[in-house]
Amino acid sequence: MNIQPLLDALDLQENAARDLADDLRAQIEDLQSRLREAQTHLEHLALGAASGSAP
């Protein structure tokens, strides 16, 4: 039995899984950045509200 086609298929699946993982890491980084920006914005709004000034 020739297992080379199976090994080739596994290589393709491994590469696809790595690509998906890379994409997910990039999405996570983007979401973390957006979350930090939103937190900063909320902090500024809270500081403005606490001091009685409008943002």
PDB file of N, CA and C in Angstrom:
ATOM      1  N   MET A   1       0.847  -1.192   0.000  1.00  0.00           N
ATOM      2  CA  MET A   1       0.000   0.000   0.000  1.00  0.00           C
ATOM      3  C   MET A   1       0.886   1.246   0.000  1.00  0.00           C
ATOM      4  N   ASN A   2       0.591   2.143  -0.916  1.00  0.00           N
ATOM      5  CA  ASN A   2       1.365   3.380  -1.023  1.00  0.00           C
ATOM      6  C   ASN A   2       0.720   4.449  -0.137  1.00  0.00           C
ATOM      7  N   ILE A   3       1.455   4.867   0.860  1.00  0.00           N
ATOM      8  CA  ILE A   3       0.895   5.868   1.787  1.00  0.00           C
ATOM      9  C   ILE A   3       1.272   7.301   1.397  1.00  0.00           C
ATOM     10  N   GLN A   4       2.034   7.447   0.336  1.00  0.00           N
ATOM     11  CA  GLN A   4       2.464   8.786  -0.054  1.00  0.00           C
ATOM     12  C   GLN A   4       1.292   9.738  -0.331  1.00  0.00           C
ATOM     13  N   PRO A   5       0.234   9.293  -1.026  1.00  0.00           N
ATOM     14  CA  PRO A   5      -0.906  10.207  -1.222  1.00  0.00           C
ATOM     15  C   PRO A   5      -1.519  10.665   0.110  1.00  0.00           C
ATOM     16  N   LEU A   6      -1.553   9.765   1.084  1.00  0.00           N
ATOM     17  CA  LEU A   6      -2.077  10.141   2.403  1.00  0.00           C
ATOM     18  C   LEU A   6      -1.174  11.167   3.072  1.00  0.00           C
ATOM     19  N   LEU A   7       0.121  10.962   2.968  1.00  0.00           N
ATOM     20  CA  LEU A   7       1.064  11.916   3.549  1.00  0.00           C
ATOM     21  C   LEU A   7       0.963  13.275   2.858  1.00  0.00           C
ATOM     22  N   ASP A   8       0.792  13.239   1.546  1.00  0.00           N
ATOM     23  CA  ASP A   8       0.625  14.492   0.796  1.00  0.00           C
ATOM     24  C   ASP A   8      -0.640  15.222   1.239  1.00  0.00           C
ATOM     25  N   ALA A   9      -1.722  14.466   1.416  1.00  0.00           N
ATOM     26  CA  ALA A   9      -2.977  15.066   1.866  1.00  0.00           C
ATOM     27  C   ALA A   9      -2.829  15.653   3.262  1.00  0.00           C
ATOM     28  N   LEU A  10      -2.115  14.964   4.122  1.00  0.00           N
ATOM     29  CA  LEU A  10      -1.870  15.485   5.468  1.00  0.00           C
ATOM     30  C   LEU A  10      -1.049  16.765   5.429  1.00  0.00           C
ATOM     31  N   ASP A  11      -0.079  16.822   4.543  1.00  0.00           N
ATOM     32  CA  ASP A  11       0.719  18.042   4.379  1.00  0.00           C
ATOM     33  C   ASP A  11      -0.163  19.212   3.954  1.00  0.00           C
ATOM     34  N   LEU A  12      -1.071  18.936   3.006  1.00  0.00           N
ATOM     35  CA  LEU A  12      -1.985  19.988   2.549  1.00  0.00           C
ATOM     36  C   LEU A  12      -2.875  20.460   3.699  1.00  0.00           C
ATOM     37  N   GLN A  13      -3.369  19.509   4.481  1.00  0.00           N
ATOM     38  CA  GLN A  13      -4.227  19.867   5.615  1.00  0.00           C
ATOM     39  C   GLN A  13      -3.446  20.649   6.661  1.00  0.00           C
ATOM     40  N   GLU A  14      -2.216  20.256   6.890  1.00  0.00           N
ATOM     41  CA  GLU A  14      -1.379  20.970   7.859  1.00  0.00           C
ATOM     42  C   GLU A  14      -1.140  22.401   7.402  1.00  0.00           C
ATOM     43  N   ASN A  15      -0.841  22.568   6.118  1.00  0.00           N
ATOM     44  CA  ASN A  15      -0.617  23.917   5.586  1.00  0.00           C
ATOM     45  C   ASN A  15      -1.880  24.760   5.686  1.00  0.00           C
ATOM     46  N   ALA A  16      -3.023  24.158   5.388  1.00  0.00           N
ATOM     47  CA  ALA A  16      -4.286  24.888   5.488  1.00  0.00           C
ATOM     48  C   ALA A  16      -4.562  25.281   6.937  1.00  0.00           C
ATOM     49  N   ALA A  17      -4.292  24.368   7.858  1.00  0.00           N
ATOM     50  CA  ALA A  17      -4.507  24.667   9.278  1.00  0.00           C
ATOM     51  C   ALA A  17      -3.583  25.789   9.737  1.00  0.00           C
ATOM     52  N   ARG A  18      -2.342  25.772   9.272  1.00  0.00           N
ATOM     53  CA  ARG A  18      -1.412  26.849   9.634  1.00  0.00           C
ATOM     54  C   ARG A  18      -1.888  28.196   9.079  1.00  0.00           C
ATOM     55  N   ASP A  19      -2.370  28.184   7.841  1.00  0.00           N
ATOM     56  CA  ASP A  19      -2.885  29.419   7.235  1.00  0.00           C
ATOM     57  C   ASP A  19      -4.083  29.950   8.025  1.00  0.00           C
ATOM     58  N   LEU A  20      -4.988  29.041   8.408  1.00  0.00           N
ATOM     59  CA  LEU A  20      -6.141  29.459   9.198  1.00  0.00           C
ATOM     60  C   LEU A  20      -5.712  30.019  10.547  1.00  0.00           C
ATOM     61  N   ALA A  21      -4.752  29.371  11.170  1.00  0.00           N
ATOM     62  CA  ALA A  21      -4.258  29.847  12.467  1.00  0.00           C
ATOM     63  C   ALA A  21      -3.629  31.234  12.322  1.00  0.00           C
ATOM     64  N   ASP A  22      -2.881  31.444  11.253  1.00  0.00           N
ATOM     65  CA  ASP A  22      -2.277  32.758  11.009  1.00  0.00           C
ATOM     66  C   ASP A  22      -3.357  33.818  10.822  1.00  0.00           C
ATOM     67  N   ASP A  23      -4.400  33.472  10.054  1.00  0.00           N
ATOM     68  CA  ASP A  23      -5.510  34.406   9.842  1.00  0.00           C
ATOM     69  C   ASP A  23      -6.206  34.729  11.163  1.00  0.00           C
ATOM     70  N   LEU A  24      -6.437  33.708  11.985  1.00  0.00           N
ATOM     71  CA  LEU A  24      -7.087  33.933  13.274  1.00  0.00           C
ATOM     72  C   LEU A  24      -6.231  34.808  14.187  1.00  0.00           C
ATOM     73  N   ARG A  25      -4.917  34.581  14.172  1.00  0.00           N
ATOM     74  CA  ARG A  25      -4.024  35.425  14.987  1.00  0.00           C
ATOM     75  C   ARG A  25      -4.101  36.884  14.538  1.00  0.00           C
ATOM     76  N   ALA A  26      -4.140  37.089  13.229  1.00  0.00           N
ATOM     77  CA  ALA A  26      -4.244  38.456  12.707  1.00  0.00           C
ATOM     78  C   ALA A  26      -5.573  39.087  13.118  1.00  0.00           C
ATOM     79  N   GLN A  27      -6.657  38.309  13.050  1.00  0.00           N
ATOM     80  CA  GLN A  27      -7.959  38.833  13.462  1.00  0.00           C
ATOM     81  C   GLN A  27      -7.969  39.159  14.952  1.00  0.00           C
ATOM     82  N   ILE A  28      -7.358  38.307  15.758  1.00  0.00           N
ATOM     83  CA  ILE A  28      -7.294  38.548  17.205  1.00  0.00           C
ATOM     84  C   ILE A  28      -6.513  39.820  17.488  1.00  0.00           C
ATOM     85  N   GLU A  29      -5.386  39.991  16.812  1.00  0.00           N
ATOM     86  CA  GLU A  29      -4.586  41.206  17.008  1.00  0.00           C
ATOM     87  C   GLU A  29      -5.383  42.449  16.646  1.00  0.00           C
ATOM     88  N   ASP A  30      -6.124  42.379  15.534  1.00  0.00           N
ATOM     89  CA  ASP A  30      -6.951  43.513  15.106  1.00  0.00           C
ATOM     90  C   ASP A  30      -8.031  43.807  16.140  1.00  0.00           C
ATOM     91  N   LEU A  31      -8.703  42.761  16.615  1.00  0.00           N
ATOM     92  CA  LEU A  31      -9.761  42.955  17.609  1.00  0.00           C
ATOM     93  C   LEU A  31      -9.211  43.500  18.922  1.00  0.00           C
ATOM     94  N   GLN A  32      -8.034  43.029  19.335  1.00  0.00           N
ATOM     95  CA  GLN A  32      -7.419  43.550  20.555  1.00  0.00           C
ATOM     96  C   GLN A  32      -7.077  45.025  20.403  1.00  0.00           C
ATOM     97  N   SER A  33      -6.587  45.399  19.235  1.00  0.00           N
ATOM     98  CA  SER A  33      -6.271  46.800  18.981  1.00  0.00           C
ATOM     99  C   SER A  33      -7.537  47.655  19.029  1.00  0.00           C
ATOM    100  N   ARG A  34      -8.597  47.172  18.386  1.00  0.00           N
ATOM    101  CA  ARG A  34      -9.862  47.916  18.397  1.00  0.00           C
ATOM    102  C   ARG A  34     -10.426  48.028  19.809  1.00  0.00           C
ATOM    103  N   LEU A  35     -10.276  46.962  20.597  1.00  0.00           N
ATOM    104  CA  LEU A  35     -10.750  46.987  21.974  1.00  0.00           C
ATOM    105  C   LEU A  35      -9.973  48.018  22.798  1.00  0.00           C
ATOM    106  N   ARG A  36      -8.646  48.065  22.605  1.00  0.00           N
ATOM    107  CA  ARG A  36      -7.844  49.075  23.318  1.00  0.00           C
ATOM    108  C   ARG A  36      -8.287  50.484  22.941  1.00  0.00           C
ATOM    109  N   GLU A  37      -8.554  50.706  21.648  1.00  0.00           N
ATOM    110  CA  GLU A  37      -9.023  52.025  21.207  1.00  0.00           C
ATOM    111  C   GLU A  37     -10.364  52.369  21.842  1.00  0.00           C
ATOM    112  N   ALA A  38     -11.263  51.387  21.899  1.00  0.00           N
ATOM    113  CA  ALA A  38     -12.580  51.619  22.503  1.00  0.00           C
ATOM    114  C   ALA A  38     -12.445  51.903  23.995  1.00  0.00           C
ATOM    115  N   GLN A  39     -11.564  51.192  24.660  1.00  0.00           N
ATOM    116  CA  GLN A  39     -11.351  51.419  26.096  1.00  0.00           C
ATOM    117  C   GLN A  39     -10.801  52.824  26.339  1.00  0.00           C
ATOM    118  N   THR A  40      -9.868  53.233  25.512  1.00  0.00           N
ATOM    119  CA  THR A  40      -9.311  54.580  25.633  1.00  0.00           C
ATOM    120  C   THR A  40     -10.397  55.624  25.417  1.00  0.00           C
ATOM    121  N   HIS A  41     -11.239  55.397  24.421  1.00  0.00           N
ATOM    122  CA  HIS A  41     -12.326  56.334  24.135  1.00  0.00           C
ATOM    123  C   HIS A  41     -13.285  56.404  25.329  1.00  0.00           C
ATOM    124  N   LEU A  42     -13.631  55.252  25.885  1.00  0.00           N
ATOM    125  CA  LEU A  42     -14.525  55.233  27.048  1.00  0.00           C
ATOM    126  C   LEU A  42     -13.895  55.931  28.250  1.00  0.00           C
ATOM    127  N   GLU A  43     -12.599  55.749  28.431  1.00  0.00           N
ATOM    128  CA  GLU A  43     -11.912  56.431  29.532  1.00  0.00           C
ATOM    129  C   GLU A  43     -11.979  57.940  29.357  1.00  0.00           C
ATOM    130  N   HIS A  44     -11.800  58.404  28.127  1.00  0.00           N
ATOM    131  CA  HIS A  44     -11.884  59.837  27.870  1.00  0.00           C
ATOM    132  C   HIS A  44     -13.293  60.358  28.117  1.00  0.00           C
ATOM    133  N   LEU A  45     -14.296  59.560  27.691  1.00  0.00           N
ATOM    134  CA  LEU A  45     -15.680  59.958  27.942  1.00  0.00           C
ATOM    135  C   LEU A  45     -15.958  60.019  29.450  1.00  0.00           C
ATOM    136  N   ALA A  46     -15.458  59.039  30.175  1.00  0.00           N
ATOM    137  CA  ALA A  46     -15.679  59.004  31.627  1.00  0.00           C
ATOM    138  C   ALA A  46     -14.987  60.176  32.296  1.00  0.00           C
ATOM    139  N   LEU A  47     -13.793  60.510  31.862  1.00  0.00           N
ATOM    140  CA  LEU A  47     -13.085  61.649  32.447  1.00  0.00           C
ATOM    141  C   LEU A  47     -13.825  62.941  32.145  1.00  0.00           C
ATOM    142  N   GLY A  48     -14.349  63.051  30.913  1.00  0.00           N
ATOM    143  CA  GLY A  48     -15.104  64.234  30.550  1.00  0.00           C
ATOM    144  C   GLY A  48     -16.372  64.358  31.361  1.00  0.00           C
ATOM    145  N   ALA A  49     -17.063  63.257  31.572  1.00  0.00           N
ATOM    146  CA  ALA A  49     -18.290  63.260  32.349  1.00  0.00           C
ATOM    147  C   ALA A  49     -18.000  63.573  33.810  1.00  0.00           C
ATOM    148  N   ALA A  50     -16.884  63.061  34.322  1.00  0.00           N
ATOM    149  CA  ALA A  50     -16.527  63.290  35.718  1.00  0.00           C
ATOM    150  C   ALA A  50     -16.170  64.757  35.963  1.00  0.00           C
ATOM    151  N   SER A  51     -15.596  65.400  34.960  1.00  0.00           N
ATOM    152  CA  SER A  51     -15.201  66.798  35.145  1.00  0.00           C
ATOM    153  C   SER A  51     -16.324  67.749  34.747  1.00  0.00           C
ATOM    154  N   GLY A  52     -17.419  67.194  34.240  1.00  0.00           N
ATOM    155  CA  GLY A  52     -18.569  68.022  33.871  1.00  0.00           C
ATOM    156  C   GLY A  52     -18.466  68.630  32.502  1.00  0.00           C
ATOM    157  N   SER A  53     -17.476  68.238  31.722  1.00  0.00           N
ATOM    158  CA  SER A  53     -17.359  68.791  30.375  1.00  0.00           C
ATOM    159  C   SER A  53     -17.852  67.780  29.366  1.00  0.00           C
ATOM    160  N   ALA A  54     -18.329  68.275  28.266  1.00  0.00           N
ATOM    161  CA  ALA A  54     -18.783  67.388  27.191  1.00  0.00           C
ATOM    162  C   ALA A  54     -17.596  66.969  26.343  1.00  0.00           C
ATOM    163  N   PRO A  55     -17.603  65.750  25.832  1.00  0.00           N
ATOM    164  CA  PRO A  55     -16.483  65.296  24.986  1.00  0.00           C
ATOM    165  C   PRO A  55     -16.451  65.985  23.648  1.00  0.00           C
TER     166      PRO A  55
END
